[in-house]
């Protein structure tokens, strides 16, 4: 598993799911469809991504295409870092 995915899963598990048992979903699972996050949680994830991975997230980039799954967030981060 890639380092980016691992860090995001750990953050969501500890800060959103409040779980010590890890992240129980697949990387492609939609946060919204599974009821994993709400709009406030998305903002927490955005702040975490900016602080942890050193990328600036524009308001217009906060979309389901970029922030609705582990896979979409990690793809977004990699694109911003390149």
PDB file of N, CA and C in Angstrom:
ATOM      1  N   UNK A   1       0.837  -1.173   0.000  1.00  0.00           N
ATOM      2  CA  UNK A   1       0.000   0.000   0.000  1.00  0.00           C
ATOM      3  C   UNK A   1       0.887   1.243   0.000  1.00  0.00           C
ATOM      4  N   UNK A   2       0.460   2.220  -0.736  1.00  0.00           N
ATOM      5  CA  UNK A   2       1.237   3.444  -0.841  1.00  0.00           C
ATOM      6  C   UNK A   2       1.166   4.254   0.458  1.00  0.00           C
ATOM      7  N   UNK A   3       2.183   5.048   0.669  1.00  0.00           N
ATOM      8  CA  UNK A   3       2.273   5.862   1.880  1.00  0.00           C
ATOM      9  C   UNK A   3       1.128   6.878   1.977  1.00  0.00           C
ATOM     10  N   UNK A   4       0.752   7.499   0.854  1.00  0.00           N
ATOM     11  CA  UNK A   4      -0.328   8.488   0.864  1.00  0.00           C
ATOM     12  C   UNK A   4      -1.623   7.845   1.342  1.00  0.00           C
ATOM     13  N   UNK A   5      -1.974   6.714   0.750  1.00  0.00           N
ATOM     14  CA  UNK A   5      -3.208   6.031   1.132  1.00  0.00           C
ATOM     15  C   UNK A   5      -3.192   5.648   2.609  1.00  0.00           C
ATOM     16  N   UNK A   6      -2.061   5.151   3.069  1.00  0.00           N
ATOM     17  CA  UNK A   6      -1.942   4.746   4.479  1.00  0.00           C
ATOM     18  C   UNK A   6      -2.179   5.914   5.424  1.00  0.00           C
ATOM     19  N   UNK A   7      -1.591   7.057   5.113  1.00  0.00           N
ATOM     20  CA  UNK A   7      -1.750   8.230   5.973  1.00  0.00           C
ATOM     21  C   UNK A   7      -3.196   8.717   5.993  1.00  0.00           C
ATOM     22  N   UNK A   8      -3.836   8.729   4.828  1.00  0.00           N
ATOM     23  CA  UNK A   8      -5.227   9.186   4.762  1.00  0.00           C
ATOM     24  C   UNK A   8      -6.134   8.227   5.527  1.00  0.00           C
ATOM     25  N   UNK A   9      -5.919   6.938   5.349  1.00  0.00           N
ATOM     26  CA  UNK A   9      -6.728   5.946   6.070  1.00  0.00           C
ATOM     27  C   UNK A   9      -6.561   6.097   7.578  1.00  0.00           C
ATOM     28  N   UNK A  10      -5.337   6.289   8.015  1.00  0.00           N
ATOM     29  CA  UNK A  10      -5.080   6.457   9.445  1.00  0.00           C
ATOM     30  C   UNK A  10      -5.795   7.691   9.983  1.00  0.00           C
ATOM     31  N   UNK A  11      -5.705   8.806   9.237  1.00  0.00           N
ATOM     32  CA  UNK A  11      -6.368  10.036   9.665  1.00  0.00           C
ATOM     33  C   UNK A  11      -7.876   9.845   9.775  1.00  0.00           C
ATOM     34  N   UNK A  12      -8.480   9.266   8.752  1.00  0.00           N
ATOM     35  CA  UNK A  12      -9.935   9.077   8.760  1.00  0.00           C
ATOM     36  C   UNK A  12     -10.349   8.111   9.862  1.00  0.00           C
ATOM     37  N   UNK A  13      -9.601   7.042  10.022  1.00  0.00           N
ATOM     38  CA  UNK A  13      -9.922   6.064  11.071  1.00  0.00           C
ATOM     39  C   UNK A  13      -9.913   6.703  12.451  1.00  0.00           C
ATOM     40  N   UNK A  14      -8.876   7.475  12.737  1.00  0.00           N
ATOM     41  CA  UNK A  14      -8.707   8.046  14.073  1.00  0.00           C
ATOM     42  C   UNK A  14      -9.560   9.286  14.326  1.00  0.00           C
ATOM     43  N   UNK A  15      -9.732  10.139  13.313  1.00  0.00           N
ATOM     44  CA  UNK A  15     -10.358  11.440  13.526  1.00  0.00           C
ATOM     45  C   UNK A  15     -11.804  11.552  13.066  1.00  0.00           C
ATOM     46  N   UNK A  16     -12.237  10.645  12.212  1.00  0.00           N
ATOM     47  CA  UNK A  16     -13.609  10.706  11.704  1.00  0.00           C
ATOM     48  C   UNK A  16     -14.405   9.480  12.138  1.00  0.00           C
ATOM     49  N   UNK A  17     -13.806   8.309  11.991  1.00  0.00           N
ATOM     50  CA  UNK A  17     -14.485   7.078  12.403  1.00  0.00           C
ATOM     51  C   UNK A  17     -14.269   6.774  13.882  1.00  0.00           C
ATOM     52  N   UNK A  18     -13.278   7.415  14.491  1.00  0.00           N
ATOM     53  CA  UNK A  18     -12.902   7.182  15.891  1.00  0.00           C
ATOM     54  C   UNK A  18     -12.713   5.691  16.163  1.00  0.00           C
ATOM     55  N   UNK A  19     -11.926   5.074  15.283  1.00  0.00           N
ATOM     56  CA  UNK A  19     -11.714   3.629  15.354  1.00  0.00           C
ATOM     57  C   UNK A  19     -10.246   3.311  15.593  1.00  0.00           C
ATOM     58  N   UNK A  20     -10.013   2.310  16.409  1.00  0.00           N
ATOM     59  CA  UNK A  20      -8.661   1.795  16.611  1.00  0.00           C
ATOM     60  C   UNK A  20      -8.422   0.560  15.753  1.00  0.00           C
ATOM     61  N   UNK A  21      -9.427   0.173  14.991  1.00  0.00           N
ATOM     62  CA  UNK A  21      -9.361  -1.059  14.203  1.00  0.00           C
ATOM     63  C   UNK A  21      -9.013  -0.827  12.741  1.00  0.00           C
ATOM     64  N   UNK A  22      -8.530   0.348  12.396  1.00  0.00           N
ATOM     65  CA  UNK A  22      -8.146   0.620  11.024  1.00  0.00           C
ATOM     66  C   UNK A  22      -9.314   1.076  10.172  1.00  0.00           C
ATOM     67  N   UNK A  23      -9.046   1.231   8.903  1.00  0.00           N
ATOM     68  CA  UNK A  23     -10.021   1.712   7.930  1.00  0.00           C
ATOM     69  C   UNK A  23     -10.703   0.505   7.296  1.00  0.00           C
ATOM     70  N   UNK A  24     -12.009   0.302   7.513  1.00  0.00           N
ATOM     71  CA  UNK A  24     -12.671  -0.938   7.097  1.00  0.00           C
ATOM     72  C   UNK A  24     -13.215  -0.966   5.671  1.00  0.00           C
ATOM     73  N   UNK A  25     -12.943   0.055   4.861  1.00  0.00           N
ATOM     74  CA  UNK A  25     -13.527   0.139   3.524  1.00  0.00           C
ATOM     75  C   UNK A  25     -12.465  -0.043   2.446  1.00  0.00           C
ATOM     76  N   UNK A  26     -12.927  -0.242   1.212  1.00  0.00           N
ATOM     77  CA  UNK A  26     -12.029  -0.332   0.060  1.00  0.00           C
ATOM     78  C   UNK A  26     -11.604   1.080  -0.353  1.00  0.00           C
ATOM     79  N   UNK A  27     -10.469   1.185  -1.017  1.00  0.00           N
ATOM     80  CA  UNK A  27      -9.959   2.498  -1.430  1.00  0.00           C
ATOM     81  C   UNK A  27     -10.914   3.234  -2.367  1.00  0.00           C
ATOM     82  N   UNK A  28     -11.689   2.507  -3.158  1.00  0.00           N
ATOM     83  CA  UNK A  28     -12.594   3.119  -4.131  1.00  0.00           C
ATOM     84  C   UNK A  28     -13.973   3.423  -3.553  1.00  0.00           C
ATOM     85  N   UNK A  29     -14.268   2.988  -2.343  1.00  0.00           N
ATOM     86  CA  UNK A  29     -15.589   3.211  -1.753  1.00  0.00           C
ATOM     87  C   UNK A  29     -15.850   4.701  -1.562  1.00  0.00           C
ATOM     88  N   UNK A  30     -17.041   5.131  -1.986  1.00  0.00           N
ATOM     89  CA  UNK A  30     -17.448   6.527  -1.862  1.00  0.00           C
ATOM     90  C   UNK A  30     -17.743   6.871  -0.409  1.00  0.00           C
ATOM     91  N   UNK A  31     -17.105   7.932   0.079  1.00  0.00           N
ATOM     92  CA  UNK A  31     -17.367   8.397   1.436  1.00  0.00           C
ATOM     93  C   UNK A  31     -18.845   8.774   1.610  1.00  0.00           C
ATOM     94  N   UNK A  32     -19.396   9.452   0.603  1.00  0.00           N
ATOM     95  CA  UNK A  32     -20.777   9.921   0.702  1.00  0.00           C
ATOM     96  C   UNK A  32     -21.767   8.769   0.630  1.00  0.00           C
ATOM     97  N   UNK A  33     -21.569   7.857  -0.311  1.00  0.00           N
ATOM     98  CA  UNK A  33     -22.477   6.716  -0.455  1.00  0.00           C
ATOM     99  C   UNK A  33     -22.450   5.810   0.767  1.00  0.00           C
ATOM    100  N   UNK A  34     -21.295   5.644   1.369  1.00  0.00           N
ATOM    101  CA  UNK A  34     -21.157   4.781   2.547  1.00  0.00           C
ATOM    102  C   UNK A  34     -21.480   5.513   3.852  1.00  0.00           C
ATOM    103  N   UNK A  35     -21.701   6.824   3.764  1.00  0.00           N
ATOM    104  CA  UNK A  35     -21.999   7.597   4.965  1.00  0.00           C
ATOM    105  C   UNK A  35     -20.794   7.766   5.880  1.00  0.00           C
ATOM    106  N   UNK A  36     -19.610   7.739   5.300  1.00  0.00           N
ATOM    107  CA  UNK A  36     -18.379   7.823   6.084  1.00  0.00           C
ATOM    108  C   UNK A  36     -18.108   9.252   6.547  1.00  0.00           C
ATOM    109  N   UNK A  37     -18.357  10.217   5.674  1.00  0.00           N
ATOM    110  CA  UNK A  37     -18.073  11.615   6.005  1.00  0.00           C
ATOM    111  C   UNK A  37     -19.274  12.498   5.695  1.00  0.00           C
ATOM    112  N   UNK A  38     -19.292  13.664   6.337  1.00  0.00           N
ATOM    113  CA  UNK A  38     -20.256  14.705   6.004  1.00  0.00           C
ATOM    114  C   UNK A  38     -19.460  15.926   5.531  1.00  0.00           C
ATOM    115  N   UNK A  39     -20.138  17.020   5.272  1.00  0.00           N
ATOM    116  CA  UNK A  39     -19.451  18.190   4.711  1.00  0.00           C
ATOM    117  C   UNK A  39     -18.385  18.748   5.652  1.00  0.00           C
ATOM    118  N   UNK A  40     -18.621  18.703   6.940  1.00  0.00           N
ATOM    119  CA  UNK A  40     -17.610  19.186   7.890  1.00  0.00           C
ATOM    120  C   UNK A  40     -16.378  18.287   7.886  1.00  0.00           C
ATOM    121  N   UNK A  41     -16.605  16.983   7.767  1.00  0.00           N
ATOM    122  CA  UNK A  41     -15.478  16.050   7.703  1.00  0.00           C
ATOM    123  C   UNK A  41     -14.637  16.289   6.460  1.00  0.00           C
ATOM    124  N   UNK A  42     -15.292  16.652   5.355  1.00  0.00           N
ATOM    125  CA  UNK A  42     -14.544  16.932   4.125  1.00  0.00           C
ATOM    126  C   UNK A  42     -13.572  18.078   4.371  1.00  0.00           C
ATOM    127  N   UNK A  43     -14.011  19.098   5.092  1.00  0.00           N
ATOM    128  CA  UNK A  43     -13.130  20.229   5.376  1.00  0.00           C
ATOM    129  C   UNK A  43     -11.966  19.807   6.276  1.00  0.00           C
ATOM    130  N   UNK A  44     -12.216  18.887   7.199  1.00  0.00           N
ATOM    131  CA  UNK A  44     -11.134  18.346   8.027  1.00  0.00           C
ATOM    132  C   UNK A  44     -10.117  17.611   7.158  1.00  0.00           C
ATOM    133  N   UNK A  45     -10.618  16.839   6.207  1.00  0.00           N
ATOM    134  CA  UNK A  45      -9.739  16.089   5.303  1.00  0.00           C
ATOM    135  C   UNK A  45      -8.925  17.046   4.448  1.00  0.00           C
ATOM    136  N   UNK A  46      -9.568  18.091   3.937  1.00  0.00           N
ATOM    137  CA  UNK A  46      -8.861  19.088   3.120  1.00  0.00           C
ATOM    138  C   UNK A  46      -7.735  19.727   3.931  1.00  0.00           C
ATOM    139  N   UNK A  47      -8.012  20.134   5.153  1.00  0.00           N
ATOM    140  CA  UNK A  47      -6.981  20.742   6.003  1.00  0.00           C
ATOM    141  C   UNK A  47      -5.846  19.757   6.255  1.00  0.00           C
ATOM    142  N   UNK A  48      -6.188  18.506   6.501  1.00  0.00           N
ATOM    143  CA  UNK A  48      -5.171  17.471   6.721  1.00  0.00           C
ATOM    144  C   UNK A  48      -4.300  17.295   5.477  1.00  0.00           C
ATOM    145  N   UNK A  49      -4.927  17.241   4.314  1.00  0.00           N
ATOM    146  CA  UNK A  49      -4.184  17.075   3.059  1.00  0.00           C
ATOM    147  C   UNK A  49      -3.219  18.242   2.865  1.00  0.00           C
ATOM    148  N   UNK A  50      -3.687  19.457   3.090  1.00  0.00           N
ATOM    149  CA  UNK A  50      -2.814  20.624   2.924  1.00  0.00           C
ATOM    150  C   UNK A  50      -1.638  20.578   3.898  1.00  0.00           C
ATOM    151  N   UNK A  51      -1.913  20.292   5.149  1.00  0.00           N
ATOM    152  CA  UNK A  51      -0.865  20.286   6.176  1.00  0.00           C
ATOM    153  C   UNK A  51       0.117  19.134   6.010  1.00  0.00           C
ATOM    154  N   UNK A  52      -0.389  17.968   5.681  1.00  0.00           N
ATOM    155  CA  UNK A  52       0.439  16.767   5.653  1.00  0.00           C
ATOM    156  C   UNK A  52       1.218  16.603   4.359  1.00  0.00           C
ATOM    157  N   UNK A  53       0.592  16.959   3.239  1.00  0.00           N
ATOM    158  CA  UNK A  53       1.215  16.685   1.945  1.00  0.00           C
ATOM    159  C   UNK A  53       1.723  17.940   1.247  1.00  0.00           C
ATOM    160  N   UNK A  54       1.555  19.098   1.882  1.00  0.00           N
ATOM    161  CA  UNK A  54       2.117  20.327   1.351  1.00  0.00           C
ATOM    162  C   UNK A  54       1.507  20.794   0.049  1.00  0.00           C
ATOM    163  N   UNK A  55       0.224  20.519  -0.143  1.00  0.00           N
ATOM    164  CA  UNK A  55      -0.455  20.994  -1.346  1.00  0.00           C
ATOM    165  C   UNK A  55      -1.498  22.028  -0.943  1.00  0.00           C
ATOM    166  N   UNK A  56      -1.737  22.982  -1.834  1.00  0.00           N
ATOM    167  CA  UNK A  56      -2.781  23.979  -1.595  1.00  0.00           C
ATOM    168  C   UNK A  56      -4.028  23.547  -2.348  1.00  0.00           C
ATOM    169  N   UNK A  57      -5.140  23.437  -1.645  1.00  0.00           N
ATOM    170  CA  UNK A  57      -6.404  23.025  -2.245  1.00  0.00           C
ATOM    171  C   UNK A  57      -7.246  24.269  -2.501  1.00  0.00           C
ATOM    172  N   UNK A  58      -7.539  24.514  -3.770  1.00  0.00           N
ATOM    173  CA  UNK A  58      -8.414  25.628  -4.141  1.00  0.00           C
ATOM    174  C   UNK A  58      -9.856  25.257  -3.806  1.00  0.00           C
ATOM    175  N   UNK A  59     -10.667  26.259  -3.484  1.00  0.00           N
ATOM    176  CA  UNK A  59     -12.070  25.997  -3.151  1.00  0.00           C
ATOM    177  C   UNK A  59     -12.782  25.224  -4.258  1.00  0.00           C
ATOM    178  N   UNK A  60     -12.517  25.578  -5.508  1.00  0.00           N
ATOM    179  CA  UNK A  60     -13.180  24.914  -6.635  1.00  0.00           C
ATOM    180  C   UNK A  60     -12.741  23.465  -6.815  1.00  0.00           C
ATOM    181  N   UNK A  61     -11.656  23.077  -6.156  1.00  0.00           N
ATOM    182  CA  UNK A  61     -11.165  21.702  -6.252  1.00  0.00           C
ATOM    183  C   UNK A  61     -11.781  20.779  -5.192  1.00  0.00           C
ATOM    184  N   UNK A  62     -12.541  21.340  -4.281  1.00  0.00           N
ATOM    185  CA  UNK A  62     -13.175  20.527  -3.235  1.00  0.00           C
ATOM    186  C   UNK A  62     -14.467  19.953  -3.809  1.00  0.00           C
ATOM    187  N   UNK A  63     -14.305  18.872  -4.540  1.00  0.00           N
ATOM    188  CA  UNK A  63     -15.410  18.213  -5.230  1.00  0.00           C
ATOM    189  C   UNK A  63     -15.380  16.719  -4.934  1.00  0.00           C
ATOM    190  N   UNK A  64     -16.502  16.030  -5.160  1.00  0.00           N
ATOM    191  CA  UNK A  64     -16.487  14.572  -5.001  1.00  0.00           C
ATOM    192  C   UNK A  64     -15.446  13.890  -5.886  1.00  0.00           C
ATOM    193  N   UNK A  65     -15.188  14.450  -7.048  1.00  0.00           N
ATOM    194  CA  UNK A  65     -14.187  13.851  -7.936  1.00  0.00           C
ATOM    195  C   UNK A  65     -12.810  13.804  -7.278  1.00  0.00           C
ATOM    196  N   UNK A  66     -12.528  14.751  -6.399  1.00  0.00           N
ATOM    197  CA  UNK A  66     -11.221  14.820  -5.741  1.00  0.00           C
ATOM    198  C   UNK A  66     -11.207  14.315  -4.299  1.00  0.00           C
ATOM    199  N   UNK A  67     -12.359  14.322  -3.625  1.00  0.00           N
ATOM    200  CA  UNK A  67     -12.368  14.048  -2.182  1.00  0.00           C
ATOM    201  C   UNK A  67     -13.455  13.075  -1.727  1.00  0.00           C
ATOM    202  N   UNK A  68     -13.839  12.114  -2.577  1.00  0.00           N
ATOM    203  CA  UNK A  68     -14.915  11.201  -2.186  1.00  0.00           C
ATOM    204  C   UNK A  68     -14.457   9.777  -1.898  1.00  0.00           C
ATOM    205  N   UNK A  69     -13.170   9.526  -1.943  1.00  0.00           N
ATOM    206  CA  UNK A  69     -12.658   8.188  -1.617  1.00  0.00           C
ATOM    207  C   UNK A  69     -11.161   8.293  -1.346  1.00  0.00           C
ATOM    208  N   UNK A  70     -10.626   7.248  -0.775  1.00  0.00           N
ATOM    209  CA  UNK A  70      -9.175   7.188  -0.574  1.00  0.00           C
ATOM    210  C   UNK A  70      -8.478   7.284  -1.927  1.00  0.00           C
ATOM    211  N   UNK A  71      -9.003   6.558  -2.909  1.00  0.00           N
ATOM    212  CA  UNK A  71      -8.392   6.547  -4.244  1.00  0.00           C
ATOM    213  C   UNK A  71      -8.413   7.934  -4.880  1.00  0.00           C
ATOM    214  N   UNK A  72      -9.548   8.633  -4.794  1.00  0.00           N
ATOM    215  CA  UNK A  72      -9.624   9.951  -5.432  1.00  0.00           C
ATOM    216  C   UNK A  72      -8.734  10.975  -4.727  1.00  0.00           C
ATOM    217  N   UNK A  73      -8.657  10.914  -3.416  1.00  0.00           N
ATOM    218  CA  UNK A  73      -7.792  11.843  -2.686  1.00  0.00           C
ATOM    219  C   UNK A  73      -6.327  11.586  -3.013  1.00  0.00           C
ATOM    220  N   UNK A  74      -5.919  10.337  -3.034  1.00  0.00           N
ATOM    221  CA  UNK A  74      -4.511  10.035  -3.311  1.00  0.00           C
ATOM    222  C   UNK A  74      -4.137  10.424  -4.738  1.00  0.00           C
ATOM    223  N   UNK A  75      -5.042  10.220  -5.691  1.00  0.00           N
ATOM    224  CA  UNK A  75      -4.791  10.649  -7.072  1.00  0.00           C
ATOM    225  C   UNK A  75      -4.657  12.163  -7.131  1.00  0.00           C
ATOM    226  N   UNK A  76      -5.549  12.867  -6.465  1.00  0.00           N
ATOM    227  CA  UNK A  76      -5.513  14.326  -6.421  1.00  0.00           C
ATOM    228  C   UNK A  76      -4.184  14.821  -5.842  1.00  0.00           C
ATOM    229  N   UNK A  77      -3.760  14.246  -4.734  1.00  0.00           N
ATOM    230  CA  UNK A  77      -2.504  14.658  -4.097  1.00  0.00           C
ATOM    231  C   UNK A  77      -1.329  14.439  -5.042  1.00  0.00           C
ATOM    232  N   UNK A  78      -1.265  13.293  -5.665  1.00  0.00           N
ATOM    233  CA  UNK A  78      -0.154  13.003  -6.586  1.00  0.00           C
ATOM    234  C   UNK A  78      -0.128  13.989  -7.750  1.00  0.00           C
ATOM    235  N   UNK A  79      -1.291  14.338  -8.270  1.00  0.00           N
ATOM    236  CA  UNK A  79      -1.350  15.307  -9.367  1.00  0.00           C
ATOM    237  C   UNK A  79      -0.875  16.682  -8.906  1.00  0.00           C
ATOM    238  N   UNK A  80      -1.260  17.089  -7.712  1.00  0.00           N
ATOM    239  CA  UNK A  80      -0.852  18.398  -7.195  1.00  0.00           C
ATOM    240  C   UNK A  80       0.643  18.445  -6.873  1.00  0.00           C
ATOM    241  N   UNK A  81       1.213  17.313  -6.481  1.00  0.00           N
ATOM    242  CA  UNK A  81       2.631  17.284  -6.130  1.00  0.00           C
ATOM    243  C   UNK A  81       3.527  17.264  -7.365  1.00  0.00           C
ATOM    244  N   UNK A  82       2.986  16.898  -8.499  1.00  0.00           N
ATOM    245  CA  UNK A  82       3.801  16.840  -9.736  1.00  0.00           C
ATOM    246  C   UNK A  82       3.752  18.127 -10.504  1.00  0.00           C
TER     247      UNK A  82
END
